[in-house]
Amino acid sequence: MKNTTSSLAVVGLLVLMGCSDSSDAPAAPETASEPSAEAPSAGPASAALDSVFSEYEQIRDALVRDEASQIAAAATRIHDQAQGIHTPALQARMTEVASAAEALSQADAADLPAVRRAFGALSQPLVALLDENAELASNRYVFECPMAEGYGRWIQPTEELQNPYMGTMQPTCGQAVP
C-alpha cells in the first residue's frame, strides 16, 4: 500500500467531515484489494470484458459531467457484451452485470439521481469482479463516495478522483478504496 498511514488519516478525516468541494481532500487512490481469482485468458471473453470496462468508463465520465444522454446506449452495449461472456468462472458476475446494465439502459436520462443509483447497481458486480481478479484489477482504481445514494463505489482507469455520483457539484468528493 502506498502511504498507508497518510491515506488512512485522510480517509478518517473525510468520514468525520463528509465531503467538501475542496480539491485537496482525496487520498492517493489504490487498486482493488488483493484479488484471488485468475483473469480470463486472452480471447473472446477478454475482449468482451475490455469492452464492458470501456463502455462503463464512458458512462462514469458522462456522469462526472452530469450528461446522461448517451448512457442508455452504452449500458445496452454492456448488457450485450456481458451476455456474450460464457466463461464459467465469470458467468454469475456477467449475469449480474447484464441485468444491472439493462436496468441502467431503461433509466430516465432526465432523472440524474435515478441514473446514478442505476450506475451504482452496475458498479457493484464490476467492483466485485475486480476484487476477485488480480489481472483485471491492474490499472483500475476503485473509489467510494460516502454521500452517494445506494452503492457508492466506482471504478476508473486513472488515479485522479472524478466522482460520478456527485458530478459537477463535487467532482473530488470521495476516497480511494484500499
N, C-alpha and C. Protein backbone atom coordinates (compact mmCIF):
# COMPACT_ATOMS: atom_id res chain seq x y z
N MET A 1 0.84 -1.19 0.00
CA MET A 1 0.00 0.00 0.00
C MET A 1 0.87 1.23 0.00
N LYS A 2 0.43 2.22 -0.75
CA LYS A 2 1.17 3.46 -0.83
C LYS A 2 0.71 4.39 0.28
N ASN A 3 1.66 4.93 1.01
CA ASN A 3 1.35 5.93 2.03
C ASN A 3 0.19 5.51 2.92
N THR A 4 0.25 4.30 3.46
CA THR A 4 -0.85 3.75 4.24
C THR A 4 -1.28 4.65 5.38
N THR A 5 -0.34 5.13 6.14
CA THR A 5 -0.69 5.95 7.29
C THR A 5 -1.38 7.24 6.87
N SER A 6 -0.80 7.94 5.91
CA SER A 6 -1.43 9.20 5.48
C SER A 6 -2.75 8.95 4.79
N SER A 7 -2.88 7.86 4.03
CA SER A 7 -4.15 7.54 3.38
C SER A 7 -5.23 7.27 4.40
N LEU A 8 -4.89 6.51 5.44
CA LEU A 8 -5.88 6.22 6.48
C LEU A 8 -6.29 7.49 7.21
N ALA A 9 -5.33 8.36 7.46
CA ALA A 9 -5.65 9.62 8.14
C ALA A 9 -6.59 10.47 7.30
N VAL A 10 -6.35 10.55 6.01
CA VAL A 10 -7.21 11.34 5.13
C VAL A 10 -8.59 10.72 5.04
N VAL A 11 -8.65 9.38 4.90
CA VAL A 11 -9.94 8.70 4.83
C VAL A 11 -10.73 8.95 6.12
N GLY A 12 -10.07 8.83 7.25
CA GLY A 12 -10.73 9.08 8.53
C GLY A 12 -11.25 10.50 8.63
N LEU A 13 -10.45 11.44 8.17
CA LEU A 13 -10.86 12.83 8.19
C LEU A 13 -12.07 13.06 7.30
N LEU A 14 -12.07 12.45 6.11
CA LEU A 14 -13.21 12.59 5.20
C LEU A 14 -14.48 12.00 5.79
N VAL A 15 -14.35 10.86 6.44
CA VAL A 15 -15.52 10.23 7.05
C VAL A 15 -16.08 11.12 8.14
N LEU A 16 -15.21 11.70 8.96
CA LEU A 16 -15.67 12.57 10.02
C LEU A 16 -16.28 13.86 9.50
N MET A 17 -15.72 14.42 8.45
CA MET A 17 -16.16 15.71 7.94
C MET A 17 -17.21 15.60 6.85
N GLY A 18 -17.34 14.44 6.20
CA GLY A 18 -18.17 14.36 5.00
C GLY A 18 -17.34 14.94 3.87
N CYS A 19 -17.90 15.01 2.70
CA CYS A 19 -17.15 15.53 1.56
C CYS A 19 -17.30 17.03 1.46
N SER A 20 -16.29 17.64 0.95
CA SER A 20 -16.36 19.06 0.62
C SER A 20 -16.02 19.20 -0.84
N ASP A 21 -16.18 20.36 -1.37
CA ASP A 21 -15.82 20.56 -2.76
C ASP A 21 -14.37 20.97 -2.94
N SER A 22 -13.58 20.81 -1.89
CA SER A 22 -12.17 21.14 -1.93
C SER A 22 -11.42 20.09 -2.73
N SER A 23 -10.58 20.51 -3.64
CA SER A 23 -9.86 19.57 -4.49
C SER A 23 -8.66 18.96 -3.79
N ASP A 24 -8.29 19.40 -2.59
CA ASP A 24 -7.14 18.82 -1.91
C ASP A 24 -7.53 17.73 -0.91
N ALA A 25 -8.79 17.32 -0.87
CA ALA A 25 -9.25 16.36 0.12
C ALA A 25 -8.94 14.91 -0.20
N PRO A 26 -8.98 14.42 -1.45
CA PRO A 26 -8.87 12.98 -1.68
C PRO A 26 -7.49 12.42 -1.41
N ALA A 27 -7.49 11.19 -0.96
CA ALA A 27 -6.24 10.47 -0.74
C ALA A 27 -5.75 9.88 -2.05
N ALA A 28 -4.49 9.49 -2.07
CA ALA A 28 -3.96 8.83 -3.26
C ALA A 28 -4.66 7.50 -3.44
N PRO A 29 -5.24 7.25 -4.61
CA PRO A 29 -6.00 6.03 -4.83
C PRO A 29 -5.12 4.80 -4.97
N GLU A 30 -5.74 3.67 -4.73
CA GLU A 30 -5.06 2.40 -4.89
C GLU A 30 -5.97 1.47 -5.67
N THR A 31 -5.40 0.40 -6.17
CA THR A 31 -6.19 -0.55 -6.94
C THR A 31 -7.03 -1.40 -6.01
N ALA A 32 -7.92 -2.18 -6.57
CA ALA A 32 -8.80 -3.06 -5.80
C ALA A 32 -7.97 -3.98 -4.91
N SER A 33 -8.55 -4.39 -3.80
CA SER A 33 -7.81 -5.15 -2.81
C SER A 33 -7.57 -6.60 -3.20
N GLU A 34 -6.40 -7.07 -2.95
CA GLU A 34 -5.93 -8.44 -3.05
C GLU A 34 -6.87 -9.44 -3.72
N PRO A 35 -7.12 -9.32 -5.02
CA PRO A 35 -7.97 -10.29 -5.70
C PRO A 35 -7.33 -11.67 -5.70
N SER A 36 -8.18 -12.69 -5.74
CA SER A 36 -7.65 -14.04 -5.63
C SER A 36 -7.80 -14.88 -6.89
N ALA A 37 -8.81 -14.67 -7.68
CA ALA A 37 -9.02 -15.49 -8.87
C ALA A 37 -8.13 -15.01 -10.00
N GLU A 38 -7.87 -15.89 -10.94
CA GLU A 38 -7.08 -15.52 -12.09
C GLU A 38 -7.97 -14.91 -13.15
N ALA A 39 -7.40 -14.03 -13.96
CA ALA A 39 -8.16 -13.38 -15.02
C ALA A 39 -8.41 -14.36 -16.15
N PRO A 40 -9.46 -14.13 -16.92
CA PRO A 40 -9.70 -14.98 -18.06
C PRO A 40 -8.56 -14.84 -19.05
N SER A 41 -8.25 -15.91 -19.74
CA SER A 41 -7.16 -15.85 -20.71
C SER A 41 -7.58 -14.99 -21.90
N ALA A 42 -6.59 -14.58 -22.67
CA ALA A 42 -6.86 -13.77 -23.84
C ALA A 42 -7.83 -14.51 -24.75
N GLY A 43 -8.64 -13.78 -25.43
CA GLY A 43 -9.62 -14.38 -26.32
C GLY A 43 -10.91 -13.60 -26.29
N PRO A 44 -11.99 -14.23 -26.73
CA PRO A 44 -13.27 -13.53 -26.81
C PRO A 44 -13.76 -12.98 -25.47
N ALA A 45 -13.61 -13.74 -24.39
CA ALA A 45 -14.06 -13.25 -23.08
C ALA A 45 -13.24 -12.03 -22.66
N SER A 46 -11.95 -12.06 -22.90
CA SER A 46 -11.09 -10.94 -22.53
C SER A 46 -11.45 -9.70 -23.33
N ALA A 47 -11.68 -9.84 -24.62
CA ALA A 47 -12.07 -8.71 -25.46
C ALA A 47 -13.42 -8.16 -25.03
N ALA A 48 -14.36 -9.04 -24.69
CA ALA A 48 -15.67 -8.60 -24.23
C ALA A 48 -15.57 -7.87 -22.90
N LEU A 49 -14.74 -8.36 -21.99
CA LEU A 49 -14.54 -7.67 -20.71
C LEU A 49 -13.91 -6.30 -20.91
N ASP A 50 -12.95 -6.21 -21.81
CA ASP A 50 -12.35 -4.90 -22.12
C ASP A 50 -13.42 -3.94 -22.63
N SER A 51 -14.32 -4.45 -23.47
CA SER A 51 -15.41 -3.63 -23.99
C SER A 51 -16.36 -3.20 -22.88
N VAL A 52 -16.67 -4.11 -21.96
CA VAL A 52 -17.54 -3.79 -20.83
C VAL A 52 -16.93 -2.64 -20.02
N PHE A 53 -15.65 -2.76 -19.68
CA PHE A 53 -15.00 -1.72 -18.89
C PHE A 53 -14.86 -0.41 -19.67
N SER A 54 -14.67 -0.48 -20.96
CA SER A 54 -14.58 0.72 -21.78
C SER A 54 -15.92 1.46 -21.81
N GLU A 55 -17.01 0.73 -22.00
CA GLU A 55 -18.34 1.35 -22.00
C GLU A 55 -18.68 1.88 -20.60
N TYR A 56 -18.31 1.13 -19.58
CA TYR A 56 -18.53 1.57 -18.19
C TYR A 56 -17.82 2.91 -17.96
N GLU A 57 -16.59 3.03 -18.46
CA GLU A 57 -15.84 4.27 -18.29
C GLU A 57 -16.53 5.43 -19.00
N GLN A 58 -17.11 5.18 -20.16
CA GLN A 58 -17.84 6.24 -20.86
C GLN A 58 -19.03 6.72 -20.02
N ILE A 59 -19.71 5.77 -19.39
CA ILE A 59 -20.84 6.12 -18.52
C ILE A 59 -20.37 6.92 -17.32
N ARG A 60 -19.30 6.44 -16.67
CA ARG A 60 -18.77 7.13 -15.50
C ARG A 60 -18.37 8.56 -15.86
N ASP A 61 -17.67 8.71 -16.96
CA ASP A 61 -17.22 10.03 -17.39
C ASP A 61 -18.41 10.94 -17.70
N ALA A 62 -19.44 10.41 -18.31
CA ALA A 62 -20.64 11.22 -18.60
C ALA A 62 -21.30 11.69 -17.31
N LEU A 63 -21.34 10.83 -16.30
CA LEU A 63 -21.95 11.22 -15.02
C LEU A 63 -21.11 12.27 -14.30
N VAL A 64 -19.80 12.20 -14.44
CA VAL A 64 -18.95 13.23 -13.85
C VAL A 64 -19.32 14.59 -14.43
N ARG A 65 -19.69 14.61 -15.71
CA ARG A 65 -20.05 15.85 -16.40
C ARG A 65 -21.55 16.15 -16.31
N ASP A 66 -22.32 15.33 -15.56
CA ASP A 66 -23.77 15.49 -15.44
C ASP A 66 -24.47 15.36 -16.79
N GLU A 67 -23.97 14.50 -17.65
CA GLU A 67 -24.50 14.32 -19.00
C GLU A 67 -24.99 12.88 -19.15
N ALA A 68 -26.29 12.69 -19.30
CA ALA A 68 -26.84 11.34 -19.34
C ALA A 68 -27.37 10.91 -20.69
N SER A 69 -27.27 11.73 -21.71
CA SER A 69 -27.92 11.43 -22.98
C SER A 69 -27.41 10.18 -23.69
N GLN A 70 -26.16 9.82 -23.52
CA GLN A 70 -25.60 8.65 -24.21
C GLN A 70 -25.46 7.42 -23.31
N ILE A 71 -25.91 7.53 -22.08
CA ILE A 71 -25.72 6.44 -21.12
C ILE A 71 -26.53 5.20 -21.48
N ALA A 72 -27.75 5.36 -21.92
CA ALA A 72 -28.59 4.20 -22.26
C ALA A 72 -27.94 3.35 -23.35
N ALA A 73 -27.39 3.98 -24.36
CA ALA A 73 -26.75 3.24 -25.45
C ALA A 73 -25.52 2.48 -24.96
N ALA A 74 -24.71 3.12 -24.12
CA ALA A 74 -23.52 2.46 -23.58
C ALA A 74 -23.93 1.30 -22.66
N ALA A 75 -24.98 1.50 -21.87
CA ALA A 75 -25.46 0.43 -20.98
C ALA A 75 -25.98 -0.75 -21.79
N THR A 76 -26.63 -0.49 -22.90
CA THR A 76 -27.11 -1.57 -23.77
C THR A 76 -25.93 -2.36 -24.33
N ARG A 77 -24.87 -1.66 -24.71
CA ARG A 77 -23.68 -2.37 -25.21
C ARG A 77 -23.04 -3.22 -24.11
N ILE A 78 -23.02 -2.71 -22.88
CA ILE A 78 -22.51 -3.51 -21.76
C ILE A 78 -23.36 -4.76 -21.58
N HIS A 79 -24.67 -4.60 -21.60
CA HIS A 79 -25.60 -5.72 -21.47
C HIS A 79 -25.29 -6.78 -22.52
N ASP A 80 -25.17 -6.37 -23.77
CA ASP A 80 -24.93 -7.31 -24.86
C ASP A 80 -23.58 -8.02 -24.71
N GLN A 81 -22.54 -7.27 -24.35
CA GLN A 81 -21.22 -7.88 -24.17
C GLN A 81 -21.23 -8.87 -23.00
N ALA A 82 -21.84 -8.47 -21.89
CA ALA A 82 -21.88 -9.34 -20.71
C ALA A 82 -22.64 -10.63 -21.00
N GLN A 83 -23.71 -10.55 -21.76
CA GLN A 83 -24.47 -11.75 -22.11
C GLN A 83 -23.67 -12.69 -23.01
N GLY A 84 -22.70 -12.15 -23.72
CA GLY A 84 -21.89 -12.97 -24.61
C GLY A 84 -20.70 -13.64 -23.94
N ILE A 85 -20.47 -13.38 -22.67
CA ILE A 85 -19.34 -13.98 -21.95
C ILE A 85 -19.84 -15.24 -21.27
N HIS A 86 -19.34 -16.37 -21.72
CA HIS A 86 -19.80 -17.66 -21.21
C HIS A 86 -18.72 -18.43 -20.46
N THR A 87 -17.67 -17.73 -20.04
CA THR A 87 -16.61 -18.34 -19.25
C THR A 87 -17.20 -18.75 -17.91
N PRO A 88 -17.10 -20.04 -17.53
CA PRO A 88 -17.73 -20.50 -16.28
C PRO A 88 -17.36 -19.67 -15.04
N ALA A 89 -16.12 -19.27 -14.92
CA ALA A 89 -15.69 -18.51 -13.74
C ALA A 89 -16.32 -17.12 -13.68
N LEU A 90 -16.77 -16.62 -14.82
CA LEU A 90 -17.33 -15.27 -14.89
C LEU A 90 -18.85 -15.24 -15.04
N GLN A 91 -19.45 -16.37 -15.30
CA GLN A 91 -20.86 -16.43 -15.67
C GLN A 91 -21.79 -15.73 -14.66
N ALA A 92 -21.63 -16.01 -13.39
CA ALA A 92 -22.52 -15.40 -12.39
C ALA A 92 -22.38 -13.88 -12.36
N ARG A 93 -21.16 -13.38 -12.37
CA ARG A 93 -20.94 -11.93 -12.35
C ARG A 93 -21.48 -11.29 -13.63
N MET A 94 -21.28 -11.96 -14.77
CA MET A 94 -21.75 -11.38 -16.03
C MET A 94 -23.27 -11.34 -16.09
N THR A 95 -23.93 -12.29 -15.45
CA THR A 95 -25.39 -12.25 -15.36
C THR A 95 -25.82 -11.03 -14.55
N GLU A 96 -25.14 -10.77 -13.44
CA GLU A 96 -25.43 -9.58 -12.63
C GLU A 96 -25.16 -8.29 -13.41
N VAL A 97 -24.04 -8.26 -14.13
CA VAL A 97 -23.68 -7.09 -14.92
C VAL A 97 -24.73 -6.84 -16.00
N ALA A 98 -25.13 -7.89 -16.71
CA ALA A 98 -26.12 -7.74 -17.78
C ALA A 98 -27.44 -7.22 -17.23
N SER A 99 -27.87 -7.75 -16.10
CA SER A 99 -29.13 -7.31 -15.50
C SER A 99 -29.06 -5.84 -15.07
N ALA A 100 -27.97 -5.46 -14.42
CA ALA A 100 -27.81 -4.08 -13.97
C ALA A 100 -27.67 -3.13 -15.15
N ALA A 101 -26.99 -3.56 -16.19
CA ALA A 101 -26.83 -2.72 -17.38
C ALA A 101 -28.17 -2.52 -18.08
N GLU A 102 -28.99 -3.55 -18.10
CA GLU A 102 -30.32 -3.41 -18.70
C GLU A 102 -31.15 -2.40 -17.91
N ALA A 103 -31.11 -2.48 -16.60
CA ALA A 103 -31.85 -1.52 -15.77
C ALA A 103 -31.33 -0.09 -16.00
N LEU A 104 -30.02 0.07 -16.10
CA LEU A 104 -29.45 1.39 -16.37
C LEU A 104 -29.89 1.91 -17.73
N SER A 105 -29.95 1.03 -18.71
CA SER A 105 -30.36 1.46 -20.06
C SER A 105 -31.80 1.96 -20.08
N GLN A 106 -32.60 1.55 -19.11
CA GLN A 106 -34.00 1.94 -19.06
C GLN A 106 -34.26 3.12 -18.12
N ALA A 107 -33.23 3.58 -17.42
CA ALA A 107 -33.39 4.71 -16.51
C ALA A 107 -33.67 5.99 -17.32
N ASP A 108 -34.50 6.84 -16.77
CA ASP A 108 -34.85 8.11 -17.41
C ASP A 108 -33.66 9.05 -17.37
N ALA A 109 -33.10 9.39 -18.53
CA ALA A 109 -31.92 10.25 -18.61
C ALA A 109 -32.14 11.62 -17.98
N ALA A 110 -33.39 12.05 -17.88
CA ALA A 110 -33.69 13.35 -17.28
C ALA A 110 -33.63 13.30 -15.75
N ASP A 111 -33.59 12.11 -15.19
CA ASP A 111 -33.57 11.92 -13.74
C ASP A 111 -32.16 11.45 -13.32
N LEU A 112 -31.22 12.40 -13.22
CA LEU A 112 -29.84 12.04 -12.89
C LEU A 112 -29.68 11.26 -11.59
N PRO A 113 -30.43 11.57 -10.52
CA PRO A 113 -30.30 10.74 -9.32
C PRO A 113 -30.66 9.27 -9.58
N ALA A 114 -31.69 9.03 -10.38
CA ALA A 114 -32.07 7.64 -10.71
C ALA A 114 -31.00 6.98 -11.58
N VAL A 115 -30.44 7.72 -12.51
CA VAL A 115 -29.38 7.19 -13.37
C VAL A 115 -28.17 6.85 -12.50
N ARG A 116 -27.85 7.71 -11.56
CA ARG A 116 -26.70 7.45 -10.69
C ARG A 116 -26.93 6.23 -9.79
N ARG A 117 -28.13 6.04 -9.29
CA ARG A 117 -28.42 4.84 -8.50
C ARG A 117 -28.28 3.58 -9.36
N ALA A 118 -28.76 3.65 -10.60
CA ALA A 118 -28.63 2.51 -11.51
C ALA A 118 -27.16 2.26 -11.87
N PHE A 119 -26.38 3.33 -11.98
CA PHE A 119 -24.94 3.19 -12.21
C PHE A 119 -24.29 2.48 -11.02
N GLY A 120 -24.72 2.81 -9.81
CA GLY A 120 -24.21 2.14 -8.62
C GLY A 120 -24.51 0.65 -8.65
N ALA A 121 -25.71 0.30 -9.09
CA ALA A 121 -26.08 -1.12 -9.19
C ALA A 121 -25.21 -1.83 -10.22
N LEU A 122 -24.82 -1.14 -11.28
CA LEU A 122 -23.91 -1.72 -12.28
C LEU A 122 -22.49 -1.80 -11.72
N SER A 123 -22.10 -0.82 -10.96
CA SER A 123 -20.75 -0.81 -10.40
C SER A 123 -20.51 -1.96 -9.43
N GLN A 124 -21.54 -2.33 -8.69
CA GLN A 124 -21.38 -3.34 -7.64
C GLN A 124 -20.80 -4.67 -8.15
N PRO A 125 -21.36 -5.31 -9.18
CA PRO A 125 -20.76 -6.57 -9.63
C PRO A 125 -19.41 -6.36 -10.32
N LEU A 126 -19.19 -5.20 -10.92
CA LEU A 126 -17.90 -4.94 -11.56
C LEU A 126 -16.80 -4.74 -10.52
N VAL A 127 -17.11 -4.05 -9.44
CA VAL A 127 -16.14 -3.90 -8.34
C VAL A 127 -15.85 -5.28 -7.73
N ALA A 128 -16.88 -6.09 -7.54
CA ALA A 128 -16.69 -7.44 -7.01
C ALA A 128 -15.80 -8.27 -7.94
N LEU A 129 -15.98 -8.10 -9.24
CA LEU A 129 -15.15 -8.81 -10.21
C LEU A 129 -13.68 -8.42 -10.07
N LEU A 130 -13.41 -7.15 -9.85
CA LEU A 130 -12.02 -6.71 -9.63
C LEU A 130 -11.47 -7.27 -8.33
N ASP A 131 -12.31 -7.33 -7.30
CA ASP A 131 -11.87 -7.90 -6.02
C ASP A 131 -11.47 -9.37 -6.18
N GLU A 132 -12.10 -10.04 -7.10
CA GLU A 132 -11.87 -11.48 -7.32
C GLU A 132 -10.75 -11.76 -8.32
N ASN A 133 -10.28 -10.73 -9.02
CA ASN A 133 -9.43 -10.97 -10.17
C ASN A 133 -8.28 -9.98 -10.24
N ALA A 134 -7.09 -10.42 -9.89
CA ALA A 134 -5.92 -9.54 -9.83
C ALA A 134 -5.57 -8.92 -11.18
N GLU A 135 -5.64 -9.68 -12.23
CA GLU A 135 -5.27 -9.16 -13.55
C GLU A 135 -6.24 -8.08 -14.02
N LEU A 136 -7.51 -8.28 -13.78
CA LEU A 136 -8.50 -7.26 -14.16
C LEU A 136 -8.35 -6.00 -13.32
N ALA A 137 -7.93 -6.14 -12.08
CA ALA A 137 -7.78 -5.00 -11.18
C ALA A 137 -6.58 -4.13 -11.54
N SER A 138 -5.64 -4.69 -12.29
CA SER A 138 -4.45 -3.96 -12.66
C SER A 138 -4.82 -2.72 -13.48
N ASN A 139 -4.30 -1.57 -13.06
CA ASN A 139 -4.53 -0.29 -13.73
C ASN A 139 -5.98 0.18 -13.70
N ARG A 140 -6.71 -0.32 -12.72
CA ARG A 140 -8.07 0.18 -12.47
C ARG A 140 -8.12 0.56 -11.00
N TYR A 141 -8.78 1.66 -10.71
CA TYR A 141 -8.82 2.19 -9.36
C TYR A 141 -10.25 2.23 -8.88
N VAL A 142 -10.44 1.85 -7.63
CA VAL A 142 -11.78 1.84 -7.03
C VAL A 142 -11.85 2.97 -6.00
N PHE A 143 -12.91 3.73 -6.09
CA PHE A 143 -13.16 4.84 -5.18
C PHE A 143 -14.53 4.66 -4.54
N GLU A 144 -14.76 5.43 -3.49
CA GLU A 144 -16.06 5.38 -2.82
C GLU A 144 -16.49 6.78 -2.42
N CYS A 145 -17.78 7.04 -2.61
CA CYS A 145 -18.36 8.32 -2.19
C CYS A 145 -19.29 8.05 -1.01
N PRO A 146 -18.99 8.62 0.16
CA PRO A 146 -19.83 8.38 1.33
C PRO A 146 -21.20 9.08 1.23
N MET A 147 -21.36 9.96 0.27
CA MET A 147 -22.61 10.70 0.15
C MET A 147 -23.53 10.14 -0.94
N ALA A 148 -23.09 9.11 -1.66
CA ALA A 148 -23.89 8.56 -2.76
C ALA A 148 -25.13 7.86 -2.23
N GLU A 149 -26.21 7.97 -2.99
CA GLU A 149 -27.43 7.21 -2.66
C GLU A 149 -27.22 5.79 -3.17
N GLY A 150 -27.46 4.79 -2.34
CA GLY A 150 -27.26 3.41 -2.76
C GLY A 150 -25.79 3.04 -2.73
N TYR A 151 -25.38 2.16 -3.62
CA TYR A 151 -24.00 1.70 -3.69
C TYR A 151 -23.13 2.85 -4.16
N GLY A 152 -22.09 3.18 -3.42
CA GLY A 152 -21.30 4.37 -3.70
C GLY A 152 -19.91 4.16 -4.23
N ARG A 153 -19.58 2.95 -4.67
CA ARG A 153 -18.25 2.71 -5.21
C ARG A 153 -18.28 2.78 -6.74
N TRP A 154 -17.12 3.06 -7.30
CA TRP A 154 -16.99 3.05 -8.75
C TRP A 154 -15.55 2.72 -9.13
N ILE A 155 -15.36 2.44 -10.41
CA ILE A 155 -14.06 2.08 -10.97
C ILE A 155 -13.69 3.14 -12.00
N GLN A 156 -12.41 3.47 -12.04
CA GLN A 156 -11.93 4.34 -13.11
C GLN A 156 -10.50 3.98 -13.45
N PRO A 157 -10.05 4.32 -14.66
CA PRO A 157 -8.71 3.92 -15.10
C PRO A 157 -7.60 4.88 -14.69
N THR A 158 -7.95 5.97 -14.02
CA THR A 158 -6.95 6.95 -13.62
C THR A 158 -6.94 7.12 -12.11
N GLU A 159 -5.83 7.63 -11.59
CA GLU A 159 -5.69 7.84 -10.16
C GLU A 159 -6.33 9.14 -9.69
N GLU A 160 -6.68 10.02 -10.61
CA GLU A 160 -7.30 11.29 -10.25
C GLU A 160 -8.78 11.07 -9.99
N LEU A 161 -9.20 11.29 -8.76
CA LEU A 161 -10.58 11.06 -8.35
C LEU A 161 -11.53 11.96 -9.15
N GLN A 162 -12.53 11.34 -9.78
CA GLN A 162 -13.57 12.04 -10.54
C GLN A 162 -14.89 11.36 -10.22
N ASN A 163 -15.64 11.93 -9.32
CA ASN A 163 -16.82 11.30 -8.74
C ASN A 163 -18.05 11.36 -9.65
N PRO A 164 -18.54 10.20 -10.11
CA PRO A 164 -19.74 10.17 -10.95
C PRO A 164 -21.03 10.36 -10.16
N TYR A 165 -20.98 10.15 -8.86
CA TYR A 165 -22.20 10.29 -8.04
C TYR A 165 -22.50 11.73 -7.69
N MET A 166 -21.46 12.55 -7.56
CA MET A 166 -21.66 13.96 -7.23
C MET A 166 -21.52 14.85 -8.46
N GLY A 167 -20.93 14.33 -9.52
CA GLY A 167 -20.83 15.06 -10.78
C GLY A 167 -20.15 16.41 -10.63
N THR A 168 -20.66 17.40 -11.35
CA THR A 168 -20.02 18.72 -11.34
C THR A 168 -20.18 19.44 -10.01
N MET A 169 -21.12 19.00 -9.19
CA MET A 169 -21.34 19.63 -7.89
C MET A 169 -20.14 19.41 -6.96
N GLN A 170 -19.62 18.18 -6.91
CA GLN A 170 -18.47 17.84 -6.05
C GLN A 170 -17.66 16.73 -6.72
N PRO A 171 -16.93 17.04 -7.77
CA PRO A 171 -16.23 16.00 -8.53
C PRO A 171 -15.08 15.32 -7.78
N THR A 172 -14.60 15.92 -6.70
CA THR A 172 -13.48 15.31 -5.97
C THR A 172 -13.92 14.74 -4.61
N CYS A 173 -15.20 14.60 -4.41
CA CYS A 173 -15.71 14.01 -3.18
C CYS A 173 -15.43 12.51 -3.20
N GLY A 174 -14.92 11.98 -2.13
CA GLY A 174 -14.70 10.54 -2.04
C GLY A 174 -13.29 10.19 -1.63
N GLN A 175 -13.01 8.91 -1.66
CA GLN A 175 -11.69 8.42 -1.31
C GLN A 175 -11.43 7.11 -2.02
N ALA A 176 -10.15 6.79 -2.10
CA ALA A 176 -9.73 5.52 -2.68
C ALA A 176 -10.14 4.39 -1.76
N VAL A 177 -10.48 3.25 -2.34
CA VAL A 177 -10.78 2.05 -1.55
C VAL A 177 -9.51 1.22 -1.51
N PRO A 178 -9.02 0.95 -0.29
CA PRO A 178 -7.76 0.18 -0.18
C PRO A 178 -7.94 -1.26 -0.63
